[in-house]
C-alpha atoms as a PDB file:
ATOM      1  CA  MET A   1      -8.582  24.108  84.865  1.00  0.00           C
ATOM      2  CA  PHE A   2      -8.710  21.648  82.120  1.00  0.00           C
ATOM      3  CA  ASN A   3      -7.143  18.395  83.490  1.00  0.00           C
ATOM      4  CA  PHE A   4      -4.212  20.088  84.852  1.00  0.00           C
ATOM      5  CA  SER A   5      -4.809  19.166  88.415  1.00  0.00           C
ATOM      6  CA  VAL A   6      -5.192  15.558  87.372  1.00  0.00           C
ATOM      7  CA  ILE A   7      -1.832  15.565  85.657  1.00  0.00           C
ATOM      8  CA  LEU A   8      -0.157  16.998  88.669  1.00  0.00           C
ATOM      9  CA  THR A   9      -1.849  14.830  90.997  1.00  0.00           C
ATOM     10  CA  ASP A  10      -0.861  11.576  89.044  1.00  0.00           C
ATOM     11  CA  LEU A  11       2.767  12.974  88.518  1.00  0.00           C
ATOM     12  CA  ARG A  12       3.055  13.498  92.363  1.00  0.00           C
ATOM     13  CA  ALA A  13       1.700   9.922  92.857  1.00  0.00           C
ATOM     14  CA  ALA A  14       4.527   8.640  90.623  1.00  0.00           C
ATOM     15  CA  ILE A  15       6.973  10.600  92.415  1.00  0.00           C
ATOM     16  CA  ALA A  16       5.701   9.298  95.687  1.00  0.00           C
ATOM     17  CA  VAL A  17       6.084   5.818  94.664  1.00  0.00           C
ATOM     18  CA  VAL A  18       9.807   6.365  93.563  1.00  0.00           C
ATOM     19  CA  ALA A  19      10.645   8.110  96.657  1.00  0.00           C
ATOM     20  CA  ALA A  20       9.335   5.378  98.877  1.00  0.00           C
ATOM     21  CA  ARG A  21      11.331   2.663  97.051  1.00  0.00           C
ATOM     22  CA  ASP A  22      14.751   4.636  96.761  1.00  0.00           C
ATOM     23  CA  PRO A  23      15.717   6.128  99.937  1.00  0.00           C
ATOM     24  CA  THR A  24      18.953   7.711  98.372  1.00  0.00           C
ATOM     25  CA  ILE A  25      16.747  10.305  96.591  1.00  0.00           C
ATOM     26  CA  THR A  26      13.631  10.469  98.893  1.00  0.00           C
ATOM     27  CA  ALA A  27      14.479  13.902 100.396  1.00  0.00           C
ATOM     28  CA  LEU A  28      14.967  15.568  96.804  1.00  0.00           C
ATOM     29  CA  LEU A  29      11.706  13.901  95.572  1.00  0.00           C
ATOM     30  CA  VAL A  30       9.754  14.950  98.727  1.00  0.00           C
ATOM     31  CA  MET A  31      10.905  18.728  98.061  1.00  0.00           C
ATOM     32  CA  VAL A  32       9.795  18.259  94.197  1.00  0.00           C
ATOM     33  CA  TRP A  33       6.557  16.775  95.409  1.00  0.00           C
ATOM     34  CA  GLY A  34       5.799  19.693  97.692  1.00  0.00           C
ATOM     35  CA  ARG A  35       6.949  22.237  95.080  1.00  0.00           C
ATOM     36  CA  ILE A  36       4.678  20.787  92.359  1.00  0.00           C
ATOM     37  CA  SER A  37       1.649  20.632  94.685  1.00  0.00           C
ATOM     38  CA  ARG A  38       2.237  24.403  95.305  1.00  0.00           C
ATOM     39  CA  MET A  39       2.506  25.240  91.588  1.00  0.00           C
ATOM     40  CA  GLY A  40      -0.721  23.329  91.036  1.00  0.00           C
ATOM     41  CA  ALA A  41      -2.547  25.354  93.794  1.00  0.00           C
ATOM     42  CA  ARG A  42      -1.272  28.702  92.557  1.00  0.00           C
ATOM     43  CA  LEU A  43      -2.133  27.975  88.838  1.00  0.00           C
ATOM     44  CA  GLU A  44      -5.673  26.912  89.856  1.00  0.00           C
ATOM     45  CA  ARG A  45      -6.222  30.195  91.626  1.00  0.00           C
ATOM     46  CA  LEU A  46      -4.933  32.177  88.864  1.00  0.00           C
ATOM     47  CA  MET A  47      -7.183  30.354  86.261  1.00  0.00           C
ATOM     48  CA  ALA A  48     -10.125  30.932  88.315  1.00  0.00           C
ATOM     49  CA  LYS A  49      -9.183  34.678  88.823  1.00  0.00           C
ATOM     50  CA  TRP A  50      -8.592  34.889  85.032  1.00  0.00           C
ATOM     51  CA  ARG A  51     -12.019  33.123  84.066  1.00  0.00           C
ATOM     52  CA  ALA A  52     -13.791  35.524  86.571  1.00  0.00           C
ATOM     53  CA  GLY A  53     -11.846  38.656  85.151  1.00  0.00           C
ATOM     54  CA  THR A  54     -10.366  39.487  88.552  1.00  0.00           C
ATOM     55  CA  LEU A  55      -6.667  39.186  87.918  1.00  0.00           C
ATOM     56  CA  PRO A  56      -4.304  41.229  89.922  1.00  0.00           C
ATOM     57  CA  THR A  57      -2.257  43.616  87.688  1.00  0.00           C
ATOM     58  CA  PRO A  58       1.234  42.290  86.793  1.00  0.00           C
ATOM     59  CA  ARG A  59       4.148  43.696  88.621  1.00  0.00           C
ATOM     60  CA  LYS A  60       6.598  45.977  86.887  1.00  0.00           C
ATOM     61  CA  PRO A  61       9.567  44.442  85.552  1.00  0.00           C
ATOM     62  CA  ARG A  62      12.849  44.483  87.751  1.00  0.00           C
ATOM     63  CA  ALA A  63      15.664  46.897  87.106  1.00  0.00           C
ATOM     64  CA  SER A  64      17.613  45.936  83.799  1.00  0.00           C
ATOM     65  CA  GLY A  65      20.724  45.666  86.056  1.00  0.00           C
ATOM     66  CA  VAL A  66      21.295  41.896  86.374  1.00  0.00           C
ATOM     67  CA  ALA A  67      23.018  40.756  89.621  1.00  0.00           C
ATOM     68  CA  ALA A  68      26.526  39.333  88.951  1.00  0.00           C
ATOM     69  CA  VAL A  69      27.037  35.670  90.077  1.00  0.00           C
ATOM     70  CA  SER A  70      29.621  35.698  92.728  1.00  0.00           C
ATOM     71  CA  PRO A  71      32.471  33.084  92.028  1.00  0.00           C
ATOM     72  CA  SER A  72      32.137  31.802  95.539  1.00  0.00           C
ATOM     73  CA  ALA A  73      28.456  30.865  94.543  1.00  0.00           C
ATOM     74  CA  GLU A  74      28.064  27.101  95.475  1.00  0.00           C
ATOM     75  CA  ARG A  75      26.449  24.904  93.019  1.00  0.00           C
ATOM     76  CA  PRO A  76      22.890  24.077  93.903  1.00  0.00           C
ATOM     77  CA  ALA A  77      22.165  20.798  95.625  1.00  0.00           C
ATOM     78  CA  TYR A  78      19.205  19.966  93.229  1.00  0.00           C
ATOM     79  CA  PRO A  79      19.626  18.975  89.510  1.00  0.00           C
ATOM     80  CA  THR A  80      19.238  21.784  87.094  1.00  0.00           C
ATOM     81  CA  ALA A  81      19.664  19.751  83.710  1.00  0.00           C
ATOM     82  CA  PRO A  82      16.612  19.789  81.420  1.00  0.00           C
ATOM     83  CA  ALA A  83      14.328  16.689  81.857  1.00  0.00           C
ATOM     84  CA  TRP A  84      16.229  15.765  85.227  1.00  0.00           C
ATOM     85  CA  LEU A  85      12.987  14.416  86.855  1.00  0.00           C
ATOM     86  CA  ILE A  86      12.582  11.803  84.045  1.00  0.00           C
ATOM     87  CA  ALA A  87      16.042  10.361  84.890  1.00  0.00           C
ATOM     88  CA  TYR A  88      14.867   9.583  88.468  1.00  0.00           C
ATOM     89  CA  VAL A  89      10.982   9.066  87.682  1.00  0.00           C
ATOM     90  CA  ARG A  90      10.423   7.209  84.494  1.00  0.00           C
ATOM     91  CA  ALA A  91       6.675   7.586  84.484  1.00  0.00           C
ATOM     92  CA  ALA A  92       7.109  11.331  84.710  1.00  0.00           C
ATOM     93  CA  ALA A  93       7.746  11.461  80.796  1.00  0.00           C
ATOM     94  CA  SER A  94       4.110  10.452  80.054  1.00  0.00           C
ATOM     95  CA  TYR A  95       3.009  13.393  82.305  1.00  0.00           C
ATOM     96  CA  GLY A  96       5.344  15.899  80.762  1.00  0.00           C
ATOM     97  CA  SER A  97       3.808  14.962  77.259  1.00  0.00           C
ATOM     98  CA  GLN A  98       0.350  15.377  78.646  1.00  0.00           C
ATOM     99  CA  LEU A  99       1.420  18.860  80.003  1.00  0.00           C
ATOM    100  CA  GLU A 100       3.071  19.754  76.608  1.00  0.00           C
ATOM    101  CA  HIS A 101      -0.264  18.704  74.980  1.00  0.00           C
ATOM    102  CA  MET A 102      -2.446  20.639  77.158  1.00  0.00           C
ATOM    103  CA  MET A 103      -0.136  23.954  76.681  1.00  0.00           C
ATOM    104  CA  GLY A 104      -0.788  23.498  73.025  1.00  0.00           C
ATOM    105  CA  GLU A 105      -4.662  23.908  73.421  1.00  0.00           C
ATOM    106  CA  ASP A 106      -6.180  27.370  72.621  1.00  0.00           C
ATOM    107  CA  GLU A 107      -7.577  28.404  75.699  1.00  0.00           C
ATOM    108  CA  PHE A 108      -4.459  27.427  77.837  1.00  0.00           C
ATOM    109  CA  ALA A 109      -2.313  29.396  75.312  1.00  0.00           C
ATOM    110  CA  ARG A 110      -4.572  32.426  75.736  1.00  0.00           C
ATOM    111  CA  PHE A 111      -4.316  32.044  79.540  1.00  0.00           C
ATOM    112  CA  LEU A 112      -0.503  31.838  79.304  1.00  0.00           C
ATOM    113  CA  ALA A 113      -0.540  34.895  76.980  1.00  0.00           C
ATOM    114  CA  GLU A 114      -2.726  36.802  79.176  1.00  0.00           C
ATOM    115  CA  VAL A 115      -1.300  35.907  82.596  1.00  0.00           C
ATOM    116  CA  PRO A 116       2.552  36.475  82.601  1.00  0.00           C
ATOM    117  CA  GLN A 117       2.462  34.826  86.262  1.00  0.00           C
ATOM    118  CA  ALA A 118       1.477  31.554  85.037  1.00  0.00           C
ATOM    119  CA  ARG A 119       4.479  31.224  82.764  1.00  0.00           C
ATOM    120  CA  ARG A 120       6.567  32.047  85.795  1.00  0.00           C
ATOM    121  CA  ILE A 121       5.152  29.330  87.821  1.00  0.00           C
ATOM    122  CA  LEU A 122       5.161  26.530  84.995  1.00  0.00           C
ATOM    123  CA  ARG A 123       8.753  27.223  83.805  1.00  0.00           C
ATOM    124  CA  PRO A 124      10.533  25.084  86.320  1.00  0.00           C
ATOM    125  CA  LEU A 125       8.108  22.415  86.072  1.00  0.00           C
ATOM    126  CA  CYS A 126       8.491  22.372  82.231  1.00  0.00           C
ATOM    127  CA  ARG A 127      12.315  22.310  82.920  1.00  0.00           C
ATOM    128  CA  MET A 128      12.064  19.279  85.300  1.00  0.00           C
ATOM    129  CA  LEU A 129       9.897  17.252  82.549  1.00  0.00           C
ATOM    130  CA  GLY A 130      11.696  18.507  79.394  1.00  0.00           C
ATOM    131  CA  VAL A 131       8.649  20.146  77.910  1.00  0.00           C
ATOM    132  CA  GLY A 132       9.739  22.797  75.339  1.00  0.00           C
ATOM    133  CA  VAL A 133      13.151  21.959  75.354  1.00  0.00           C
ATOM    134  CA  VAL A 134      14.777  22.030  71.846  1.00  0.00           C
ATOM    135  CA  ALA A 135      17.342  19.154  71.278  1.00  0.00           C
ATOM    136  CA  THR A 136      20.784  20.345  70.715  1.00  0.00           C
ATOM    137  CA  LYS A 137      22.418  19.955  67.390  1.00  0.00           C
ATOM    138  CA  VAL A 138      23.995  16.429  67.228  1.00  0.00           C
ATOM    139  CA  GLY A 139      27.651  16.684  65.981  1.00  0.00           C
ATOM    140  CA  LYS A 140      29.231  14.251  63.577  1.00  0.00           C
ATOM    141  CA  PRO A 141      29.214  10.798  65.154  1.00  0.00           C
ATOM    142  CA  ARG A 142      32.504   9.401  66.396  1.00  0.00           C
ATOM    143  CA  ARG A 143      34.036   6.764  64.416  1.00  0.00           C
ATOM    144  CA  VAL A 144      34.061   3.510  65.891  1.00  0.00           C
ATOM    145  CA  TRP A 145      35.963   1.389  63.721  1.00  0.00           C
ATOM    146  CA  THR A 146      38.775   2.602  61.425  1.00  0.00           C
ATOM    147  CA  THR A 147      40.243   0.958  58.350  1.00  0.00           C
ATOM    148  CA  PRO A 148      43.347  -0.763  59.029  1.00  0.00           C
ATOM    149  CA  ASP A 149      46.589   0.626  57.905  1.00  0.00           C
ATOM    150  CA  THR A 150      47.882  -0.451  54.513  1.00  0.00           C
ATOM    151  CA  ARG A 151      51.497   0.698  54.934  1.00  0.00           C
ATOM    152  CA  PRO A 152      53.947  -2.263  54.541  1.00  0.00           C
ATOM    153  CA  MET A 153      55.240  -3.682  57.662  1.00  0.00           C
ATOM    154  CA  PRO A 154      58.862  -2.745  58.529  1.00  0.00           C
ATOM    155  CA  ALA A 155      61.308  -5.629  58.430  1.00  0.00           C
ATOM    156  CA  PRO A 156      61.714  -7.222  61.881  1.00  0.00           C
ATOM    157  CA  ALA A 157      64.873  -6.451  63.422  1.00  0.00           C
ATOM    158  CA  GLY A 158      66.581  -8.202  66.596  1.00  0.00           C
ATOM    159  CA  LEU A 159      65.324 -11.433  67.949  1.00  0.00           C
ATOM    160  CA  VAL A 160      62.279 -13.303  66.766  1.00  0.00           C
ATOM    161  CA  LEU A 161      60.522 -16.510  67.561  1.00  0.00           C
ATOM    162  CA  GLY A 162      61.292 -18.704  65.171  1.00  0.00           C
ATOM    163  CA  PRO A 163      60.229 -22.517  64.425  1.00  0.00           C
ATOM    164  CA  GLY A 164      60.042 -24.766  67.349  1.00  0.00           C
ATOM    165  CA  GLY A 165      59.973 -21.872  69.823  1.00  0.00           C
ATOM    166  CA  CYS A 166      63.634 -21.065  69.175  1.00  0.00           C
ATOM    167  CA  LEU A 167      64.906 -17.477  69.070  1.00  0.00           C
ATOM    168  CA  ILE A 168      66.660 -16.424  66.000  1.00  0.00           C
ATOM    169  CA  TYR A 169      68.400 -13.118  65.171  1.00  0.00           C
ATOM    170  CA  VAL A 170      67.214 -11.433  62.030  1.00  0.00           C
END
């Protein structure tokens, strides 16, 4: 499947290196490593079936009623921000760009158009790597330096330090 398995294998190797060096995030990265390997296996099977013309028919969409999120639902224990994996594994950025380039190829674009299951499998990986994430509009930058106030200083009142360190009343 193009070089998809190579990209995912190298990404998993980069994750393993960071997981071995940093014990504080080892458990998280081991879970991500396993998830990426399962994604790769599923995508390779789908690609083989697509090329052979023996794809299963896609499931019907779920009911339109969206389940409400309960207020007591806990926040997930894993990161959810776009490109969060790059913050932990710096080498993941290069694999994200390789994946983005591969997704732009004609055959892969046709594969994604014809096989909706593949898009569902790839979506979490693309979010982890920041692939296809549009940058948000940057607002007006904050002023770091302001011009000095040009109003005249009020006349001092009370005690001030005079010549020779003596206090004088003004």
